[in-house]
């Protein structure tokens, strides 16, 4: 089942790349930006937590 889901995602990504490459690029850029923002928020929260322990 897991391999089927992965294969389906790869096929969907390939189809999206062929039919709408600009939309795929925008989505990837947005996802990367959001991921970086969440990572920064996580580390900021961890630093604040450790500082409050002192």
Protein backbone atom coordinates (compact mmCIF):
# COMPACT_ATOMS: atom_id res chain seq x y z
CA UNK A 1 0.00 0.00 0.00
CA UNK A 2 2.83 2.38 0.91
CA UNK A 3 4.58 1.85 -2.42
CA UNK A 4 1.32 2.48 -4.27
CA UNK A 5 0.83 5.81 -2.49
CA UNK A 6 4.40 6.87 -3.25
CA UNK A 7 4.01 5.84 -6.90
CA UNK A 8 0.73 7.76 -7.13
CA UNK A 9 2.37 10.89 -5.70
CA UNK A 10 5.26 10.61 -8.19
CA UNK A 11 2.85 10.20 -11.11
CA UNK A 12 0.77 13.16 -9.89
CA UNK A 13 3.90 15.31 -9.54
CA UNK A 14 5.03 14.37 -13.04
CA UNK A 15 1.60 15.13 -14.48
CA UNK A 16 1.52 18.49 -12.70
CA UNK A 17 5.02 19.32 -13.94
CA UNK A 18 3.99 18.62 -17.55
CA UNK A 19 0.61 20.38 -17.46
CA UNK A 20 1.38 23.40 -15.25
CA UNK A 21 5.10 23.89 -14.53
CA UNK A 22 4.63 27.50 -13.41
CA UNK A 23 1.98 26.50 -10.86
CA UNK A 24 4.20 23.70 -9.55
CA UNK A 25 7.12 26.10 -9.16
CA UNK A 26 4.97 28.59 -7.25
CA UNK A 27 3.64 25.85 -4.98
CA UNK A 28 7.13 24.54 -4.30
CA UNK A 29 8.38 28.04 -3.52
CA UNK A 30 5.46 28.67 -1.15
CA UNK A 31 5.95 25.31 0.58
CA UNK A 32 9.67 25.97 1.02
CA UNK A 33 9.03 29.44 2.37
CA UNK A 34 6.42 28.18 4.82
CA UNK A 35 8.69 25.34 5.92
CA UNK A 36 11.53 27.77 6.59
CA UNK A 37 9.20 30.04 8.54
CA UNK A 38 7.94 27.16 10.68
CA UNK A 39 11.50 26.01 11.36
CA UNK A 40 12.50 29.52 12.43
CA UNK A 41 9.47 29.73 14.73
CA UNK A 42 10.30 26.35 16.25
CA UNK A 43 13.90 27.31 17.02
CA UNK A 44 12.83 30.68 18.41
CA UNK A 45 10.36 28.93 20.71
CA UNK A 46 13.01 26.43 21.82
CA UNK A 47 15.52 29.19 22.57
CA UNK A 48 12.90 31.11 24.54
CA UNK A 49 11.99 27.97 26.49
CA UNK A 50 15.62 27.22 27.38
CA UNK A 51 16.22 30.82 28.45
CA UNK A 52 13.15 30.73 30.69
CA UNK A 53 14.51 27.65 32.48
CA UNK A 54 17.39 29.68 33.89
